PDB file of N, CA and C in Angstrom:
ATOM      1  N   MET A   1      82.236  34.443  16.431  1.00  0.00           N
ATOM      2  CA  MET A   1      82.903  33.344  15.633  1.00  0.00           C
ATOM      3  C   MET A   1      81.806  32.562  14.965  1.00  0.00           C
ATOM      4  N   LYS A   2      81.791  32.538  13.650  1.00  0.00           N
ATOM      5  CA  LYS A   2      80.814  31.708  12.900  1.00  0.00           C
ATOM      6  C   LYS A   2      81.515  30.470  12.309  1.00  0.00           C
ATOM      7  N   VAL A   3      80.889  29.337  12.673  1.00  0.00           N
ATOM      8  CA  VAL A   3      81.493  28.021  12.294  1.00  0.00           C
ATOM      9  C   VAL A   3      80.835  27.621  10.965  1.00  0.00           C
ATOM     10  N   ASN A   4      81.625  26.998  10.087  1.00  0.00           N
ATOM     11  CA  ASN A   4      81.182  26.495   8.831  1.00  0.00           C
ATOM     12  C   ASN A   4      80.573  25.137   9.045  1.00  0.00           C
ATOM     13  N   ILE A   5      79.321  25.097   9.314  1.00  0.00           N
ATOM     14  CA  ILE A   5      78.596  23.835   9.692  1.00  0.00           C
ATOM     15  C   ILE A   5      78.632  22.869   8.494  1.00  0.00           C
ATOM     16  N   ASP A   6      78.510  23.365   7.288  1.00  0.00           N
ATOM     17  CA  ASP A   6      78.589  22.462   6.118  1.00  0.00           C
ATOM     18  C   ASP A   6      79.873  21.753   6.060  1.00  0.00           C
ATOM     19  N   LYS A   7      80.999  22.463   6.389  1.00  0.00           N
ATOM     20  CA  LYS A   7      82.302  21.787   6.381  1.00  0.00           C
ATOM     21  C   LYS A   7      82.347  20.651   7.406  1.00  0.00           C
ATOM     22  N   ILE A   8      81.828  20.926   8.549  1.00  0.00           N
ATOM     23  CA  ILE A   8      81.836  19.864   9.688  1.00  0.00           C
ATOM     24  C   ILE A   8      80.949  18.703   9.215  1.00  0.00           C
ATOM     25  N   ARG A   9      79.787  18.968   8.671  1.00  0.00           N
ATOM     26  CA  ARG A   9      78.980  17.888   8.177  1.00  0.00           C
ATOM     27  C   ARG A   9      79.625  17.069   7.125  1.00  0.00           C
ATOM     28  N   GLY A  10      80.327  17.761   6.200  1.00  0.00           N
ATOM     29  CA  GLY A  10      81.115  17.046   5.171  1.00  0.00           C
ATOM     30  C   GLY A  10      82.174  16.165   5.710  1.00  0.00           C
ATOM     31  N   LEU A  11      82.914  16.643   6.753  1.00  0.00           N
ATOM     32  CA  LEU A  11      83.922  15.828   7.412  1.00  0.00           C
ATOM     33  C   LEU A  11      83.267  14.612   8.095  1.00  0.00           C
ATOM     34  N   MET A  12      82.127  14.911   8.767  1.00  0.00           N
ATOM     35  CA  MET A  12      81.427  13.846   9.381  1.00  0.00           C
ATOM     36  C   MET A  12      81.081  12.710   8.365  1.00  0.00           C
ATOM     37  N   ALA A  13      80.536  13.138   7.249  1.00  0.00           N
ATOM     38  CA  ALA A  13      80.102  12.199   6.217  1.00  0.00           C
ATOM     39  C   ALA A  13      81.268  11.412   5.662  1.00  0.00           C
ATOM     40  N   GLU A  14      82.390  12.086   5.463  1.00  0.00           N
ATOM     41  CA  GLU A  14      83.613  11.443   4.924  1.00  0.00           C
ATOM     42  C   GLU A  14      84.087  10.398   5.863  1.00  0.00           C
ATOM     43  N   ASN A  15      83.932  10.585   7.160  1.00  0.00           N
ATOM     44  CA  ASN A  15      84.401   9.718   8.187  1.00  0.00           C
ATOM     45  C   ASN A  15      83.339   8.809   8.744  1.00  0.00           C
ATOM     46  N   HIS A  16      82.180   8.854   8.142  1.00  0.00           N
ATOM     47  CA  HIS A  16      81.045   8.008   8.518  1.00  0.00           C
ATOM     48  C   HIS A  16      80.710   8.207  10.008  1.00  0.00           C
ATOM     49  N   ASP A  17      80.772   9.507  10.504  1.00  0.00           N
ATOM     50  CA  ASP A  17      80.411   9.766  11.849  1.00  0.00           C
ATOM     51  C   ASP A  17      79.013  10.261  11.956  1.00  0.00           C
ATOM     52  N   THR A  18      78.363   9.802  13.052  1.00  0.00           N
ATOM     53  CA  THR A  18      77.025  10.349  13.333  1.00  0.00           C
ATOM     54  C   THR A  18      77.224  11.323  14.425  1.00  0.00           C
ATOM     55  N   ASN A  19      76.107  12.025  14.840  1.00  0.00           N
ATOM     56  CA  ASN A  19      76.177  12.981  15.963  1.00  0.00           C
ATOM     57  C   ASN A  19      76.740  12.286  17.205  1.00  0.00           C
ATOM     58  N   GLU A  20      76.300  11.017  17.356  1.00  0.00           N
ATOM     59  CA  GLU A  20      76.761  10.310  18.548  1.00  0.00           C
ATOM     60  C   GLU A  20      78.277   9.976  18.488  1.00  0.00           C
ATOM     61  N   THR A  21      78.766   9.502  17.343  1.00  0.00           N
ATOM     62  CA  THR A  21      80.203   9.184  17.333  1.00  0.00           C
ATOM     63  C   THR A  21      81.065  10.402  17.405  1.00  0.00           C
ATOM     64  N   LEU A  22      80.594  11.543  16.745  1.00  0.00           N
ATOM     65  CA  LEU A  22      81.412  12.772  16.917  1.00  0.00           C
ATOM     66  C   LEU A  22      81.406  13.201  18.344  1.00  0.00           C
ATOM     67  N   GLY A  23      80.178  13.183  18.916  1.00  0.00           N
ATOM     68  CA  GLY A  23      80.060  13.653  20.283  1.00  0.00           C
ATOM     69  C   GLY A  23      80.962  12.883  21.247  1.00  0.00           C
ATOM     70  N   LYS A  24      81.082  11.555  21.038  1.00  0.00           N
ATOM     71  CA  LYS A  24      82.003  10.734  21.891  1.00  0.00           C
ATOM     72  C   LYS A  24      83.465  11.188  21.669  1.00  0.00           C
ATOM     73  N   LYS A  25      83.768  11.497  20.444  1.00  0.00           N
ATOM     74  CA  LYS A  25      85.165  11.840  20.090  1.00  0.00           C
ATOM     75  C   LYS A  25      85.611  13.239  20.725  1.00  0.00           C
ATOM     76  N   ILE A  26      84.538  14.139  20.829  1.00  0.00           N
ATOM     77  CA  ILE A  26      84.893  15.467  21.325  1.00  0.00           C
ATOM     78  C   ILE A  26      84.423  15.729  22.770  1.00  0.00           C
ATOM     79  N   GLY A  27      83.728  14.737  23.337  1.00  0.00           N
ATOM     80  CA  GLY A  27      83.387  14.810  24.740  1.00  0.00           C
ATOM     81  C   GLY A  27      82.038  15.498  25.076  1.00  0.00           C
ATOM     82  N   VAL A  28      81.127  15.372  24.136  1.00  0.00           N
ATOM     83  CA  VAL A  28      79.806  15.950  24.339  1.00  0.00           C
ATOM     84  C   VAL A  28      78.769  14.981  23.929  1.00  0.00           C
ATOM     85  N   SER A  29      77.499  15.279  24.240  1.00  0.00           N
ATOM     86  CA  SER A  29      76.381  14.343  23.844  1.00  0.00           C
ATOM     87  C   SER A  29      76.068  14.519  22.382  1.00  0.00           C
ATOM     88  N   ALA A  30      75.348  13.514  21.832  1.00  0.00           N
ATOM     89  CA  ALA A  30      74.807  13.564  20.488  1.00  0.00           C
ATOM     90  C   ALA A  30      73.851  14.791  20.349  1.00  0.00           C
ATOM     91  N   ALA A  31      73.092  15.026  21.411  1.00  0.00           N
ATOM     92  CA  ALA A  31      72.138  16.130  21.431  1.00  0.00           C
ATOM     93  C   ALA A  31      72.906  17.486  21.240  1.00  0.00           C
ATOM     94  N   THR A  32      74.026  17.591  21.948  1.00  0.00           N
ATOM     95  CA  THR A  32      74.813  18.827  21.840  1.00  0.00           C
ATOM     96  C   THR A  32      75.368  18.998  20.450  1.00  0.00           C
ATOM     97  N   VAL A  33      75.826  17.928  19.862  1.00  0.00           N
ATOM     98  CA  VAL A  33      76.338  17.989  18.454  1.00  0.00           C
ATOM     99  C   VAL A  33      75.243  18.467  17.542  1.00  0.00           C
ATOM    100  N   SER A  34      74.074  17.841  17.765  1.00  0.00           N
ATOM    101  CA  SER A  34      72.897  18.207  16.966  1.00  0.00           C
ATOM    102  C   SER A  34      72.531  19.685  17.103  1.00  0.00           C
ATOM    103  N   ASN A  35      72.590  20.207  18.315  1.00  0.00           N
ATOM    104  CA  ASN A  35      72.368  21.647  18.569  1.00  0.00           C
ATOM    105  C   ASN A  35      73.332  22.508  17.843  1.00  0.00           C
ATOM    106  N   TYR A  36      74.587  22.092  17.829  1.00  0.00           N
ATOM    107  CA  TYR A  36      75.655  22.885  17.099  1.00  0.00           C
ATOM    108  C   TYR A  36      75.299  22.837  15.609  1.00  0.00           C
ATOM    109  N   LEU A  37      75.007  21.623  15.074  1.00  0.00           N
ATOM    110  CA  LEU A  37      74.802  21.566  13.622  1.00  0.00           C
ATOM    111  C   LEU A  37      73.586  22.205  13.107  1.00  0.00           C
ATOM    112  N   ASN A  38      72.617  22.407  13.994  1.00  0.00           N
ATOM    113  CA  ASN A  38      71.321  23.061  13.657  1.00  0.00           C
ATOM    114  C   ASN A  38      71.293  24.532  14.048  1.00  0.00           C
ATOM    115  N   GLY A  39      72.418  24.991  14.553  1.00  0.00           N
ATOM    116  CA  GLY A  39      72.498  26.429  14.888  1.00  0.00           C
ATOM    117  C   GLY A  39      71.758  26.833  16.136  1.00  0.00           C
ATOM    118  N   LYS A  40      71.386  25.881  16.936  1.00  0.00           N
ATOM    119  CA  LYS A  40      70.658  26.145  18.178  1.00  0.00           C
ATOM    120  C   LYS A  40      71.674  26.664  19.298  1.00  0.00           C
ATOM    121  N   THR A  41      72.879  26.186  19.242  1.00  0.00           N
ATOM    122  CA  THR A  41      73.915  26.564  20.172  1.00  0.00           C
ATOM    123  C   THR A  41      75.165  26.931  19.341  1.00  0.00           C
ATOM    124  N   ASP A  42      75.869  27.931  19.879  1.00  0.00           N
ATOM    125  CA  ASP A  42      77.137  28.268  19.267  1.00  0.00           C
ATOM    126  C   ASP A  42      78.274  27.400  19.834  1.00  0.00           C
ATOM    127  N   MET A  43      79.123  26.912  18.938  1.00  0.00           N
ATOM    128  CA  MET A  43      80.228  26.039  19.285  1.00  0.00           C
ATOM    129  C   MET A  43      81.343  26.899  19.936  1.00  0.00           C
ATOM    130  N   THR A  44      81.860  26.360  21.043  1.00  0.00           N
ATOM    131  CA  THR A  44      82.949  27.125  21.711  1.00  0.00           C
ATOM    132  C   THR A  44      84.221  26.882  20.970  1.00  0.00           C
ATOM    133  N   VAL A  45      85.222  27.724  21.257  1.00  0.00           N
ATOM    134  CA  VAL A  45      86.556  27.641  20.656  1.00  0.00           C
ATOM    135  C   VAL A  45      87.124  26.264  20.990  1.00  0.00           C
ATOM    136  N   VAL A  46      86.995  25.851  22.259  1.00  0.00           N
ATOM    137  CA  VAL A  46      87.581  24.668  22.718  1.00  0.00           C
ATOM    138  C   VAL A  46      87.055  23.444  21.901  1.00  0.00           C
ATOM    139  N   LEU A  47      85.720  23.414  21.770  1.00  0.00           N
ATOM    140  CA  LEU A  47      85.104  22.315  21.022  1.00  0.00           C
ATOM    141  C   LEU A  47      85.469  22.410  19.506  1.00  0.00           C
ATOM    142  N   LEU A  48      85.506  23.601  18.993  1.00  0.00           N
ATOM    143  CA  LEU A  48      85.968  23.705  17.548  1.00  0.00           C
ATOM    144  C   LEU A  48      87.353  23.100  17.391  1.00  0.00           C
ATOM    145  N   GLY A  49      88.243  23.351  18.386  1.00  0.00           N
ATOM    146  CA  GLY A  49      89.603  22.790  18.337  1.00  0.00           C
ATOM    147  C   GLY A  49      89.523  21.264  18.356  1.00  0.00           C
ATOM    148  N   ARG A  50      88.627  20.729  19.242  1.00  0.00           N
ATOM    149  CA  ARG A  50      88.538  19.256  19.314  1.00  0.00           C
ATOM    150  C   ARG A  50      88.017  18.645  17.978  1.00  0.00           C
ATOM    151  N   VAL A  51      87.068  19.322  17.359  1.00  0.00           N
ATOM    152  CA  VAL A  51      86.607  18.844  16.043  1.00  0.00           C
ATOM    153  C   VAL A  51      87.754  18.877  15.009  1.00  0.00           C
ATOM    154  N   ALA A  52      88.437  19.991  15.037  1.00  0.00           N
ATOM    155  CA  ALA A  52      89.563  20.067  14.106  1.00  0.00           C
ATOM    156  C   ALA A  52      90.584  18.987  14.355  1.00  0.00           C
ATOM    157  N   GLN A  53      90.871  18.703  15.639  1.00  0.00           N
ATOM    158  CA  GLN A  53      91.929  17.730  15.921  1.00  0.00           C
ATOM    159  C   GLN A  53      91.348  16.344  15.559  1.00  0.00           C
ATOM    160  N   THR A  54      90.073  16.117  15.780  1.00  0.00           N
ATOM    161  CA  THR A  54      89.459  14.784  15.413  1.00  0.00           C
ATOM    162  C   THR A  54      89.622  14.457  13.953  1.00  0.00           C
ATOM    163  N   TYR A  55      89.431  15.504  13.126  1.00  0.00           N
ATOM    164  CA  TYR A  55      89.440  15.288  11.690  1.00  0.00           C
ATOM    165  C   TYR A  55      90.872  15.753  11.071  1.00  0.00           C
ATOM    166  N   ASN A  56      91.773  16.108  11.943  1.00  0.00           N
ATOM    167  CA  ASN A  56      93.141  16.430  11.467  1.00  0.00           C
ATOM    168  C   ASN A  56      93.117  17.610  10.467  1.00  0.00           C
ATOM    169  N   VAL A  57      92.342  18.652  10.792  1.00  0.00           N
ATOM    170  CA  VAL A  57      92.390  19.849   9.927  1.00  0.00           C
ATOM    171  C   VAL A  57      92.693  21.065  10.852  1.00  0.00           C
ATOM    172  N   ASP A  58      93.038  22.077  10.241  1.00  0.00           N
ATOM    173  CA  ASP A  58      93.294  23.389  10.906  1.00  0.00           C
ATOM    174  C   ASP A  58      91.927  23.953  11.327  1.00  0.00           C
ATOM    175  N   ALA A  59      91.887  24.384  12.548  1.00  0.00           N
ATOM    176  CA  ALA A  59      90.578  24.947  13.059  1.00  0.00           C
ATOM    177  C   ALA A  59      90.067  26.084  12.218  1.00  0.00           C
ATOM    178  N   PHE A  60      90.959  26.870  11.595  1.00  0.00           N
ATOM    179  CA  PHE A  60      90.537  28.018  10.796  1.00  0.00           C
ATOM    180  C   PHE A  60      89.735  27.525   9.538  1.00  0.00           C
ATOM    181  N   THR A  61      90.000  26.323   9.083  1.00  0.00           N
ATOM    182  CA  THR A  61      89.170  25.800   7.945  1.00  0.00           C
ATOM    183  C   THR A  61      87.755  25.499   8.288  1.00  0.00           C
ATOM    184  N   LEU A  62      87.455  25.524   9.631  1.00  0.00           N
ATOM    185  CA  LEU A  62      86.142  25.174  10.124  1.00  0.00           C
ATOM    186  C   LEU A  62      85.331  26.462  10.389  1.00  0.00           C
ATOM    187  N   LEU A  63      85.952  27.618  10.102  1.00  0.00           N
ATOM    188  CA  LEU A  63      85.287  28.825  10.310  1.00  0.00           C
ATOM    189  C   LEU A  63      84.687  29.311   9.022  1.00  0.00           C
ATOM    190  N   ALA A  64      83.451  29.954   9.089  1.00  0.00           N
ATOM    191  CA  ALA A  64      82.804  30.478   7.900  1.00  0.00           C
ATOM    192  C   ALA A  64      83.592  31.637   7.406  1.00  0.00           C
ATOM    193  N   GLN A  65      83.730  31.701   6.079  1.00  0.00           N
ATOM    194  CA  GLN A  65      84.403  32.784   5.448  1.00  0.00           C
ATOM    195  C   GLN A  65      83.423  33.871   5.139  1.00  0.00           C
ATOM    196  N   ASP A  66      83.871  35.181   5.332  1.00  0.00           N
ATOM    197  CA  ASP A  66      83.004  36.227   4.955  1.00  0.00           C
ATOM    198  C   ASP A  66      82.990  36.351   3.476  1.00  0.00           C
ATOM    199  N   LYS A  67      81.845  36.716   2.869  1.00  0.00           N
ATOM    200  CA  LYS A  67      81.777  36.773   1.442  1.00  0.00           C
ATOM    201  C   LYS A  67      81.631  38.222   0.996  1.00  0.00           C
TER     202      LYS A  67
END
């Protein structure tokens, strides 16, 4: 599963969220959010769902589309 990191960063920017504030909302540390956003760690399906719920979007919109 490949996550669309740019989409998540865009949603974070629209909602004025930092790694710390998003982390608090989804139950992980700011460092963990940073690792996800920098591609150091793959995001789990559960956390992808939490991000989607936080921003009130469908989880499928947070997945990278094959080109």
